[in-house]
Amino acid sequence: GIEAELVGPPVVFSHPSVTRIRVGRTVYRHDGCHPALGSML
């Protein structure tokens, strides 16, 4: 959200398809993915 910030050791993050992200070794279905407003990072 806009409230909590988490930091930690590097974890794999990718977009294997338009409707899925990969975090670590697991792929999750999402409902939307786009650059954050105000920051392309």
PDB file of all heavy atoms in Angstrom:
ATOM      1  N   GLY A   1       0.858  -1.175   0.000  1.00  0.00           N
ATOM      2  CA  GLY A   1       0.000   0.000   0.000  1.00  0.00           C
ATOM      3  C   GLY A   1       0.895   1.227   0.000  1.00  0.00           C
ATOM      4  O   GLY A   1       1.933   1.243  -0.653  1.00  0.00           O
ATOM      5  N   ILE A   2       0.513   2.236   0.745  1.00  0.00           N
ATOM      6  CA  ILE A   2       1.376   3.415   0.846  1.00  0.00           C
ATOM      7  C   ILE A   2       1.977   3.531   2.245  1.00  0.00           C
ATOM      8  O   ILE A   2       2.648   4.500   2.552  1.00  0.00           O
ATOM      9  CB  ILE A   2       0.601   4.708   0.510  1.00  0.00           C
ATOM     10  CG1 ILE A   2      -0.585   4.877   1.461  1.00  0.00           C
ATOM     11  CG2 ILE A   2       0.163   4.711  -0.930  1.00  0.00           C
ATOM     12  CD1 ILE A   2      -1.231   6.240   1.389  1.00  0.00           C
ATOM     13  N   GLU A   3       1.750   2.528   3.063  1.00  0.00           N
ATOM     14  CA  GLU A   3       2.105   2.621   4.473  1.00  0.00           C
ATOM     15  C   GLU A   3       3.381   1.907   4.895  1.00  0.00           C
ATOM     16  O   GLU A   3       4.174   2.449   5.638  1.00  0.00           O
ATOM     17  CB  GLU A   3       0.955   2.093   5.326  1.00  0.00           C
ATOM     18  CG  GLU A   3      -0.324   2.892   5.212  1.00  0.00           C
ATOM     19  CD  GLU A   3      -0.237   4.234   5.921  1.00  0.00           C
ATOM     20  OE1 GLU A   3       0.490   4.332   6.914  1.00  0.00           O
ATOM     21  OE2 GLU A   3      -0.887   5.169   5.458  1.00  0.00           O
ATOM     22  N   ALA A   4       3.556   0.668   4.470  1.00  0.00           N
ATOM     23  CA  ALA A   4       4.626  -0.160   5.034  1.00  0.00           C
ATOM     24  C   ALA A   4       5.746  -0.391   4.029  1.00  0.00           C
ATOM     25  O   ALA A   4       5.493  -0.657   2.855  1.00  0.00           O
ATOM     26  CB  ALA A   4       4.061  -1.502   5.488  1.00  0.00           C
ATOM     27  N   GLU A   5       6.974  -0.284   4.500  1.00  0.00           N
ATOM     28  CA  GLU A   5       8.132  -0.537   3.647  1.00  0.00           C
ATOM     29  C   GLU A   5       8.926  -1.704   4.221  1.00  0.00           C
ATOM     30  O   GLU A   5       9.231  -1.738   5.408  1.00  0.00           O
ATOM     31  CB  GLU A   5       9.011   0.693   3.556  1.00  0.00           C
ATOM     32  CG  GLU A   5      10.149   0.536   2.578  1.00  0.00           C
ATOM     33  CD  GLU A   5      10.833   1.853   2.289  1.00  0.00           C
ATOM     34  OE1 GLU A   5      10.163   2.803   1.859  1.00  0.00           O
ATOM     35  OE2 GLU A   5      12.058   1.912   2.514  1.00  0.00           O
ATOM     36  N   LEU A   6       9.246  -2.653   3.337  1.00  0.00           N
ATOM     37  CA  LEU A   6       9.995  -3.844   3.712  1.00  0.00           C
ATOM     38  C   LEU A   6      11.315  -3.857   2.965  1.00  0.00           C
ATOM     39  O   LEU A   6      11.377  -3.464   1.795  1.00  0.00           O
ATOM     40  CB  LEU A   6       9.201  -5.101   3.349  1.00  0.00           C
ATOM     41  CG  LEU A   6       7.745  -5.158   3.798  1.00  0.00           C
ATOM     42  CD1 LEU A   6       7.074  -6.411   3.237  1.00  0.00           C
ATOM     43  CD2 LEU A   6       7.646  -5.106   5.300  1.00  0.00           C
ATOM     44  N   VAL A   7      12.368  -4.314   3.614  1.00  0.00           N
ATOM     45  CA  VAL A   7      13.673  -4.453   2.971  1.00  0.00           C
ATOM     46  C   VAL A   7      14.256  -5.808   3.361  1.00  0.00           C
ATOM     47  O   VAL A   7      13.954  -6.349   4.423  1.00  0.00           O
ATOM     48  CB  VAL A   7      14.656  -3.322   3.352  1.00  0.00           C
ATOM     49  CG1 VAL A   7      14.154  -1.975   2.878  1.00  0.00           C
ATOM     50  CG2 VAL A   7      14.928  -3.311   4.839  1.00  0.00           C
ATOM     51  N   GLY A   8      15.098  -6.333   2.487  1.00  0.00           N
ATOM     52  CA  GLY A   8      15.713  -7.613   2.784  1.00  0.00           C
ATOM     53  C   GLY A   8      16.704  -8.028   1.725  1.00  0.00           C
ATOM     54  O   GLY A   8      16.992  -7.281   0.792  1.00  0.00           O
ATOM     55  N   PRO A   9      17.210  -9.250   1.871  1.00  0.00           N
ATOM     56  CA  PRO A   9      18.167  -9.753   0.889  1.00  0.00           C
ATOM     57  C   PRO A   9      17.494  -9.875  -0.478  1.00  0.00           C
ATOM     58  O   PRO A   9      16.274 -10.040  -0.561  1.00  0.00           O
ATOM     59  CB  PRO A   9      18.569 -11.121   1.449  1.00  0.00           C
ATOM     60  CG  PRO A   9      17.510 -11.493   2.422  1.00  0.00           C
ATOM     61  CD  PRO A   9      16.893 -10.223   2.908  1.00  0.00           C
ATOM     62  N   PRO A  10      18.267  -9.803  -1.553  1.00  0.00           N
ATOM     63  CA  PRO A  10      17.681  -9.862  -2.895  1.00  0.00           C
ATOM     64  C   PRO A  10      16.814 -11.102  -3.097  1.00  0.00           C
ATOM     65  O   PRO A  10      17.184 -12.199  -2.694  1.00  0.00           O
ATOM     66  CB  PRO A  10      18.891  -9.909  -3.822  1.00  0.00           C
ATOM     67  CG  PRO A  10      20.024  -9.375  -3.025  1.00  0.00           C
ATOM     68  CD  PRO A  10      19.726  -9.722  -1.591  1.00  0.00           C
ATOM     69  N   VAL A  11      15.655 -10.888  -3.698  1.00  0.00           N
ATOM     70  CA  VAL A  11      14.763 -11.982  -4.062  1.00  0.00           C
ATOM     71  C   VAL A  11      14.428 -11.823  -5.544  1.00  0.00           C
ATOM     72  O   VAL A  11      14.291 -10.705  -6.038  1.00  0.00           O
ATOM     73  CB  VAL A  11      13.489 -12.005  -3.174  1.00  0.00           C
ATOM     74  CG1 VAL A  11      12.620 -10.777  -3.386  1.00  0.00           C
ATOM     75  CG2 VAL A  11      12.682 -13.255  -3.410  1.00  0.00           C
ATOM     76  N   VAL A  12      14.349 -12.933  -6.247  1.00  0.00           N
ATOM     77  CA  VAL A  12      14.044 -12.905  -7.677  1.00  0.00           C
ATOM     78  C   VAL A  12      12.670 -12.279  -7.894  1.00  0.00           C
ATOM     79  O   VAL A  12      11.714 -12.579  -7.182  1.00  0.00           O
ATOM     80  CB  VAL A  12      14.068 -14.334  -8.273  1.00  0.00           C
ATOM     81  CG1 VAL A  12      13.537 -14.353  -9.692  1.00  0.00           C
ATOM     82  CG2 VAL A  12      15.475 -14.888  -8.216  1.00  0.00           C
ATOM     83  N   PHE A  13      12.583 -11.387  -8.870  1.00  0.00           N
ATOM     84  CA  PHE A  13      11.319 -10.758  -9.248  1.00  0.00           C
ATOM     85  C   PHE A  13      11.303 -10.628 -10.765  1.00  0.00           C
ATOM     86  O   PHE A  13      12.239 -10.105 -11.355  1.00  0.00           O
ATOM     87  CB  PHE A  13      11.191  -9.379  -8.609  1.00  0.00           C
ATOM     88  CG  PHE A  13       9.965  -8.621  -9.064  1.00  0.00           C
ATOM     89  CD1 PHE A  13       8.717  -8.951  -8.556  1.00  0.00           C
ATOM     90  CD2 PHE A  13      10.057  -7.606  -9.994  1.00  0.00           C
ATOM     91  CE1 PHE A  13       7.585  -8.271  -8.974  1.00  0.00           C
ATOM     92  CE2 PHE A  13       8.932  -6.917 -10.415  1.00  0.00           C
ATOM     93  CZ  PHE A  13       7.690  -7.252  -9.898  1.00  0.00           C
ATOM     94  N   SER A  14      10.245 -11.129 -11.394  1.00  0.00           N
ATOM     95  CA  SER A  14      10.132 -11.007 -12.850  1.00  0.00           C
ATOM     96  C   SER A  14       8.666 -11.047 -13.262  1.00  0.00           C
ATOM     97  O   SER A  14       7.778 -11.277 -12.444  1.00  0.00           O
ATOM     98  CB  SER A  14      10.920 -12.114 -13.559  1.00  0.00           C
ATOM     99  OG  SER A  14      10.351 -13.375 -13.273  1.00  0.00           O
ATOM    100  N   HIS A  15       8.445 -10.830 -14.555  1.00  0.00           N
ATOM    101  CA  HIS A  15       7.118 -10.847 -15.169  1.00  0.00           C
ATOM    102  C   HIS A  15       7.096 -11.949 -16.224  1.00  0.00           C
ATOM    103  O   HIS A  15       7.334 -11.681 -17.405  1.00  0.00           O
ATOM    104  CB  HIS A  15       6.825  -9.519 -15.872  1.00  0.00           C
ATOM    105  CG  HIS A  15       6.934  -8.316 -15.004  1.00  0.00           C
ATOM    106  ND1 HIS A  15       5.875  -7.845 -14.275  1.00  0.00           N
ATOM    107  CD2 HIS A  15       7.966  -7.481 -14.751  1.00  0.00           C
ATOM    108  CE1 HIS A  15       6.254  -6.770 -13.615  1.00  0.00           C
ATOM    109  NE2 HIS A  15       7.523  -6.530 -13.881  1.00  0.00           N
ATOM    110  N   PRO A  16       6.822 -13.204 -15.838  1.00  0.00           N
ATOM    111  CA  PRO A  16       6.837 -14.272 -16.842  1.00  0.00           C
ATOM    112  C   PRO A  16       5.704 -14.170 -17.863  1.00  0.00           C
ATOM    113  O   PRO A  16       5.792 -14.740 -18.938  1.00  0.00           O
ATOM    114  CB  PRO A  16       6.736 -15.555 -16.029  1.00  0.00           C
ATOM    115  CG  PRO A  16       6.243 -15.151 -14.694  1.00  0.00           C
ATOM    116  CD  PRO A  16       6.610 -13.715 -14.496  1.00  0.00           C
ATOM    117  N   SER A  17       4.640 -13.432 -17.536  1.00  0.00           N
ATOM    118  CA  SER A  17       3.557 -13.204 -18.501  1.00  0.00           C
ATOM    119  C   SER A  17       2.833 -11.920 -18.124  1.00  0.00           C
ATOM    120  O   SER A  17       3.118 -11.315 -17.083  1.00  0.00           O
ATOM    121  CB  SER A  17       2.577 -14.384 -18.534  1.00  0.00           C
ATOM    122  OG  SER A  17       1.734 -14.357 -17.407  1.00  0.00           O
ATOM    123  N   VAL A  18       1.888 -11.528 -18.918  1.00  0.00           N
ATOM    124  CA  VAL A  18       1.155 -10.289 -18.698  1.00  0.00           C
ATOM    125  C   VAL A  18       0.345 -10.324 -17.398  1.00  0.00           C
ATOM    126  O   VAL A  18       0.145  -9.294 -16.761  1.00  0.00           O
ATOM    127  CB  VAL A  18       0.215 -10.012 -19.901  1.00  0.00           C
ATOM    128  CG1 VAL A  18      -0.654  -8.804 -19.666  1.00  0.00           C
ATOM    129  CG2 VAL A  18       1.031  -9.844 -21.164  1.00  0.00           C
ATOM    130  N   THR A  19      -0.083 -11.491 -16.974  1.00  0.00           N
ATOM    131  CA  THR A  19      -0.939 -11.597 -15.789  1.00  0.00           C
ATOM    132  C   THR A  19      -0.256 -12.270 -14.604  1.00  0.00           C
ATOM    133  O   THR A  19      -0.914 -12.607 -13.629  1.00  0.00           O
ATOM    134  CB  THR A  19      -2.218 -12.391 -16.120  1.00  0.00           C
ATOM    135  OG1 THR A  19      -1.836 -13.710 -16.549  1.00  0.00           O
ATOM    136  CG2 THR A  19      -3.031 -11.703 -17.182  1.00  0.00           C
ATOM    137  N   ARG A  20       1.056 -12.438 -14.680  1.00  0.00           N
ATOM    138  CA  ARG A  20       1.750 -13.141 -13.605  1.00  0.00           C
ATOM    139  C   ARG A  20       3.074 -12.455 -13.251  1.00  0.00           C
ATOM    140  O   ARG A  20       3.731 -11.867 -14.086  1.00  0.00           O
ATOM    141  CB  ARG A  20       2.033 -14.581 -14.007  1.00  0.00           C
ATOM    142  CG  ARG A  20       0.739 -15.368 -14.214  1.00  0.00           C
ATOM    143  CD  ARG A  20       0.960 -16.809 -14.444  1.00  0.00           C
ATOM    144  NE  ARG A  20      -0.121 -17.729 -14.585  1.00  0.00           N
ATOM    145  CZ  ARG A  20      -1.411 -17.541 -14.564  1.00  0.00           C
ATOM    146  NH1 ARG A  20      -1.883 -16.367 -14.393  1.00  0.00           N
ATOM    147  NH2 ARG A  20      -2.293 -18.503 -14.713  1.00  0.00           N
ATOM    148  N   ILE A  21       3.431 -12.582 -11.954  1.00  0.00           N
ATOM    149  CA  ILE A  21       4.755 -12.155 -11.493  1.00  0.00           C
ATOM    150  C   ILE A  21       5.400 -13.347 -10.811  1.00  0.00           C
ATOM    151  O   ILE A  21       4.729 -14.263 -10.353  1.00  0.00           O
ATOM    152  CB  ILE A  21       4.693 -10.964 -10.512  1.00  0.00           C
ATOM    153  CG1 ILE A  21       3.864 -11.323  -9.267  1.00  0.00           C
ATOM    154  CG2 ILE A  21       4.228  -9.706 -11.202  1.00  0.00           C
ATOM    155  CD1 ILE A  21       4.025 -10.357  -8.112  1.00  0.00           C
ATOM    156  N   ARG A  22       6.707 -13.311 -10.776  1.00  0.00           N
ATOM    157  CA  ARG A  22       7.468 -14.331 -10.059  1.00  0.00           C
ATOM    158  C   ARG A  22       8.185 -13.649  -8.919  1.00  0.00           C
ATOM    159  O   ARG A  22       8.897 -12.662  -9.112  1.00  0.00           O
ATOM    160  CB  ARG A  22       8.477 -14.994 -10.991  1.00  0.00           C
ATOM    161  CG  ARG A  22       9.326 -16.021 -10.290  1.00  0.00           C
ATOM    162  CD  ARG A  22      10.298 -16.663 -11.239  1.00  0.00           C
ATOM    163  NE  ARG A  22      11.172 -17.550 -10.498  1.00  0.00           N
ATOM    164  CZ  ARG A  22      12.351 -17.939 -10.925  1.00  0.00           C
ATOM    165  NH1 ARG A  22      12.788 -17.555 -12.113  1.00  0.00           N
ATOM    166  NH2 ARG A  22      13.095 -18.731 -10.204  1.00  0.00           N
ATOM    167  N   VAL A  23       7.984 -14.189  -7.711  1.00  0.00           N
ATOM    168  CA  VAL A  23       8.689 -13.720  -6.527  1.00  0.00           C
ATOM    169  C   VAL A  23       9.350 -14.954  -5.938  1.00  0.00           C
ATOM    170  O   VAL A  23       8.675 -15.896  -5.535  1.00  0.00           O
ATOM    171  CB  VAL A  23       7.732 -13.064  -5.510  1.00  0.00           C
ATOM    172  CG1 VAL A  23       8.496 -12.606  -4.270  1.00  0.00           C
ATOM    173  CG2 VAL A  23       6.985 -11.893  -6.144  1.00  0.00           C
ATOM    174  N   GLY A  24      10.670 -14.945  -5.904  1.00  0.00           N
ATOM    175  CA  GLY A  24      11.388 -16.148  -5.502  1.00  0.00           C
ATOM    176  C   GLY A  24      11.152 -17.227  -6.551  1.00  0.00           C
ATOM    177  O   GLY A  24      11.287 -16.980  -7.735  1.00  0.00           O
ATOM    178  N   ARG A  25      10.751 -18.392  -6.119  1.00  0.00           N
ATOM    179  CA  ARG A  25      10.504 -19.495  -7.053  1.00  0.00           C
ATOM    180  C   ARG A  25       9.030 -19.674  -7.386  1.00  0.00           C
ATOM    181  O   ARG A  25       8.669 -20.595  -8.109  1.00  0.00           O
ATOM    182  CB  ARG A  25      11.030 -20.798  -6.460  1.00  0.00           C
ATOM    183  CG  ARG A  25      12.527 -20.800  -6.307  1.00  0.00           C
ATOM    184  CD  ARG A  25      13.003 -22.104  -5.749  1.00  0.00           C
ATOM    185  NE  ARG A  25      14.457 -22.092  -5.673  1.00  0.00           N
ATOM    186  CZ  ARG A  25      15.157 -23.071  -5.179  1.00  0.00           C
ATOM    187  NH1 ARG A  25      14.572 -24.153  -4.704  1.00  0.00           N
ATOM    188  NH2 ARG A  25      16.464 -22.987  -5.144  1.00  0.00           N
ATOM    189  N   THR A  26       8.179 -18.817  -6.834  1.00  0.00           N
ATOM    190  CA  THR A  26       6.738 -18.979  -6.997  1.00  0.00           C
ATOM    191  C   THR A  26       6.184 -17.937  -7.959  1.00  0.00           C
ATOM    192  O   THR A  26       6.571 -16.772  -7.919  1.00  0.00           O
ATOM    193  CB  THR A  26       6.027 -18.861  -5.633  1.00  0.00           C
ATOM    194  OG1 THR A  26       6.638 -19.779  -4.724  1.00  0.00           O
ATOM    195  CG2 THR A  26       4.559 -19.168  -5.749  1.00  0.00           C
ATOM    196  N   VAL A  27       5.250 -18.375  -8.794  1.00  0.00           N
ATOM    197  CA  VAL A  27       4.578 -17.485  -9.739  1.00  0.00           C
ATOM    198  C   VAL A  27       3.175 -17.205  -9.210  1.00  0.00           C
ATOM    199  O   VAL A  27       2.466 -18.114  -8.785  1.00  0.00           O
ATOM    200  CB  VAL A  27       4.518 -18.128 -11.143  1.00  0.00           C
ATOM    201  CG1 VAL A  27       3.720 -17.259 -12.110  1.00  0.00           C
ATOM    202  CG2 VAL A  27       5.934 -18.355 -11.679  1.00  0.00           C
ATOM    203  N   TYR A  28       2.793 -15.925  -9.221  1.00  0.00           N
ATOM    204  CA  TYR A  28       1.501 -15.488  -8.709  1.00  0.00           C
ATOM    205  C   TYR A  28       0.727 -14.763  -9.813  1.00  0.00           C
ATOM    206  O   TYR A  28       1.304 -13.974 -10.561  1.00  0.00           O
ATOM    207  CB  TYR A  28       1.678 -14.508  -7.542  1.00  0.00           C
ATOM    208  CG  TYR A  28       2.470 -15.063  -6.395  1.00  0.00           C
ATOM    209  CD1 TYR A  28       3.852 -14.860  -6.309  1.00  0.00           C
ATOM    210  CD2 TYR A  28       1.844 -15.787  -5.386  1.00  0.00           C
ATOM    211  CE1 TYR A  28       4.582 -15.358  -5.246  1.00  0.00           C
ATOM    212  CE2 TYR A  28       2.578 -16.290  -4.320  1.00  0.00           C
ATOM    213  CZ  TYR A  28       3.937 -16.069  -4.253  1.00  0.00           C
ATOM    214  OH  TYR A  28       4.662 -16.566  -3.208  1.00  0.00           O
ATOM    215  N   ARG A  29      -0.585 -15.013  -9.873  1.00  0.00           N
ATOM    216  CA  ARG A  29      -1.439 -14.290 -10.807  1.00  0.00           C
ATOM    217  C   ARG A  29      -1.834 -12.964 -10.164  1.00  0.00           C
ATOM    218  O   ARG A  29      -2.154 -12.912  -8.982  1.00  0.00           O
ATOM    219  CB  ARG A  29      -2.699 -15.103 -11.126  1.00  0.00           C
ATOM    220  CG  ARG A  29      -3.542 -14.491 -12.238  1.00  0.00           C
ATOM    221  CD  ARG A  29      -4.702 -15.384 -12.640  1.00  0.00           C
ATOM    222  NE  ARG A  29      -5.668 -15.572 -11.583  1.00  0.00           N
ATOM    223  CZ  ARG A  29      -6.624 -14.708 -11.267  1.00  0.00           C
ATOM    224  NH1 ARG A  29      -6.733 -13.575 -11.925  1.00  0.00           N
ATOM    225  NH2 ARG A  29      -7.463 -14.962 -10.284  1.00  0.00           N
ATOM    226  N   HIS A  30      -1.781 -11.887 -10.940  1.00  0.00           N
ATOM    227  CA  HIS A  30      -2.162 -10.564 -10.430  1.00  0.00           C
ATOM    228  C   HIS A  30      -3.270  -9.981 -11.297  1.00  0.00           C
ATOM    229  O   HIS A  30      -3.636 -10.544 -12.326  1.00  0.00           O
ATOM    230  CB  HIS A  30      -0.946  -9.629 -10.376  1.00  0.00           C
ATOM    231  CG  HIS A  30      -0.299  -9.391 -11.707  1.00  0.00           C
ATOM    232  ND1 HIS A  30      -0.839  -8.557 -12.660  1.00  0.00           N
ATOM    233  CD2 HIS A  30       0.837  -9.886 -12.246  1.00  0.00           C
ATOM    234  CE1 HIS A  30      -0.059  -8.536 -13.717  1.00  0.00           C
ATOM    235  NE2 HIS A  30       0.974  -9.344 -13.490  1.00  0.00           N
ATOM    236  N   ASP A  31      -3.796  -8.839 -10.878  1.00  0.00           N
ATOM    237  CA  ASP A  31      -4.887  -8.198 -11.592  1.00  0.00           C
ATOM    238  C   ASP A  31      -4.467  -6.917 -12.286  1.00  0.00           C
ATOM    239  O   ASP A  31      -5.295  -6.196 -12.829  1.00  0.00           O
ATOM    240  CB  ASP A  31      -6.044  -7.931 -10.616  1.00  0.00           C
ATOM    241  CG  ASP A  31      -6.566  -9.226 -10.016  1.00  0.00           C
ATOM    242  OD1 ASP A  31      -6.941 -10.116 -10.791  1.00  0.00           O
ATOM    243  OD2 ASP A  31      -6.559  -9.361  -8.776  1.00  0.00           O
ATOM    244  N   GLY A  32      -3.184  -6.625 -12.286  1.00  0.00           N
ATOM    245  CA  GLY A  32      -2.672  -5.452 -12.977  1.00  0.00           C
ATOM    246  C   GLY A  32      -1.241  -5.182 -12.565  1.00  0.00           C
ATOM    247  O   GLY A  32      -0.865  -5.399 -11.412  1.00  0.00           O
ATOM    248  N   CYS A  33      -0.442  -4.728 -13.521  1.00  0.00           N
ATOM    249  CA  CYS A  33       0.952  -4.400 -13.239  1.00  0.00           C
ATOM    250  C   CYS A  33       1.351  -3.243 -14.136  1.00  0.00           C
ATOM    251  O   CYS A  33       1.115  -3.270 -15.340  1.00  0.00           O
ATOM    252  CB  CYS A  33       1.843  -5.610 -13.481  1.00  0.00           C
ATOM    253  SG  CYS A  33       3.577  -5.322 -13.064  1.00  0.00           S
ATOM    254  N   HIS A  34       1.932  -2.204 -13.541  1.00  0.00           N
ATOM    255  CA  HIS A  34       2.344  -1.028 -14.304  1.00  0.00           C
ATOM    256  C   HIS A  34       3.396  -0.270 -13.498  1.00  0.00           C
ATOM    257  O   HIS A  34       3.541  -0.493 -12.294  1.00  0.00           O
ATOM    258  CB  HIS A  34       1.136  -0.136 -14.608  1.00  0.00           C
ATOM    259  CG  HIS A  34       0.320   0.192 -13.389  1.00  0.00           C
ATOM    260  ND1 HIS A  34       0.632   1.211 -12.538  1.00  0.00           N
ATOM    261  CD2 HIS A  34      -0.785  -0.400 -12.868  1.00  0.00           C
ATOM    262  CE1 HIS A  34      -0.244   1.256 -11.554  1.00  0.00           C
ATOM    263  NE2 HIS A  34      -1.113   0.279 -11.731  1.00  0.00           N
ATOM    264  N   PRO A  35       4.118   0.644 -14.157  1.00  0.00           N
ATOM    265  CA  PRO A  35       5.077   1.460 -13.400  1.00  0.00           C
ATOM    266  C   PRO A  35       4.341   2.292 -12.352  1.00  0.00           C
ATOM    267  O   PRO A  35       3.215   2.739 -12.585  1.00  0.00           O
ATOM    268  CB  PRO A  35       5.708   2.367 -14.460  1.00  0.00           C
ATOM    269  CG  PRO A  35       5.448   1.683 -15.755  1.00  0.00           C
ATOM    270  CD  PRO A  35       4.159   0.935 -15.587  1.00  0.00           C
ATOM    271  N   ALA A  36       4.964   2.467 -11.203  1.00  0.00           N
ATOM    272  CA  ALA A  36       4.359   3.267 -10.138  1.00  0.00           C
ATOM    273  C   ALA A  36       4.249   4.719 -10.588  1.00  0.00           C
ATOM    274  O   ALA A  36       5.120   5.228 -11.290  1.00  0.00           O
ATOM    275  CB  ALA A  36       5.193   3.169  -8.864  1.00  0.00           C
ATOM    276  N   LEU A  37       3.171   5.375 -10.192  1.00  0.00           N
ATOM    277  CA  LEU A  37       3.003   6.784 -10.529  1.00  0.00           C
ATOM    278  C   LEU A  37       4.128   7.602  -9.911  1.00  0.00           C
ATOM    279  O   LEU A  37       4.438   7.443  -8.736  1.00  0.00           O
ATOM    280  CB  LEU A  37       1.656   7.296 -10.021  1.00  0.00           C
ATOM    281  CG  LEU A  37       0.426   6.684 -10.671  1.00  0.00           C
ATOM    282  CD1 LEU A  37      -0.831   7.220  -9.998  1.00  0.00           C
ATOM    283  CD2 LEU A  37       0.400   6.986 -12.156  1.00  0.00           C
ATOM    284  N   GLY A  38       4.750   8.439 -10.704  1.00  0.00           N
ATOM    285  CA  GLY A  38       5.794   9.306 -10.201  1.00  0.00           C
ATOM    286  C   GLY A  38       7.183   8.695 -10.170  1.00  0.00           C
ATOM    287  O   GLY A  38       8.148   9.386  -9.936  1.00  0.00           O
ATOM    288  N   SER A  39       7.296   7.401 -10.398  1.00  0.00           N
ATOM    289  CA  SER A  39       8.613   6.780 -10.370  1.00  0.00           C
ATOM    290  C   SER A  39       8.632   5.562 -11.285  1.00  0.00           C
ATOM    291  O   SER A  39       7.913   4.604 -11.075  1.00  0.00           O
ATOM    292  CB  SER A  39       8.988   6.340  -8.955  1.00  0.00           C
ATOM    293  OG  SER A  39      10.217   5.647  -8.988  1.00  0.00           O
ATOM    294  N   MET A  40       9.471   5.620 -12.281  1.00  0.00           N
ATOM    295  CA  MET A  40       9.617   4.489 -13.194  1.00  0.00           C
ATOM    296  C   MET A  40      10.506   3.401 -12.599  1.00  0.00           C
ATOM    297  O   MET A  40      10.738   2.387 -13.218  1.00  0.00           O
ATOM    298  CB  MET A  40      10.204   4.963 -14.528  1.00  0.00           C
ATOM    299  CG  MET A  40       9.316   5.940 -15.274  1.00  0.00           C
ATOM    300  SD  MET A  40       7.744   5.226 -15.752  1.00  0.00           S
ATOM    301  CE  MET A  40       8.250   4.159 -17.069  1.00  0.00           C
ATOM    302  N   LEU A  41      11.022   3.613 -11.386  1.00  0.00           N
ATOM    303  CA  LEU A  41      11.915   2.639 -10.769  1.00  0.00           C
ATOM    304  C   LEU A  41      11.155   1.558 -10.016  1.00  0.00           C
ATOM    305  O   LEU A  41      11.728   0.562  -9.612  1.00  0.00           O
ATOM    306  CB  LEU A  41      12.892   3.338  -9.822  1.00  0.00           C
ATOM    307  CG  LEU A  41      13.776   4.405 -10.465  1.00  0.00           C
ATOM    308  CD1 LEU A  41      14.661   5.049  -9.417  1.00  0.00           C
ATOM    309  CD2 LEU A  41      14.602   3.825 -11.586  1.00  0.00           C
TER     310      LEU A  41
END
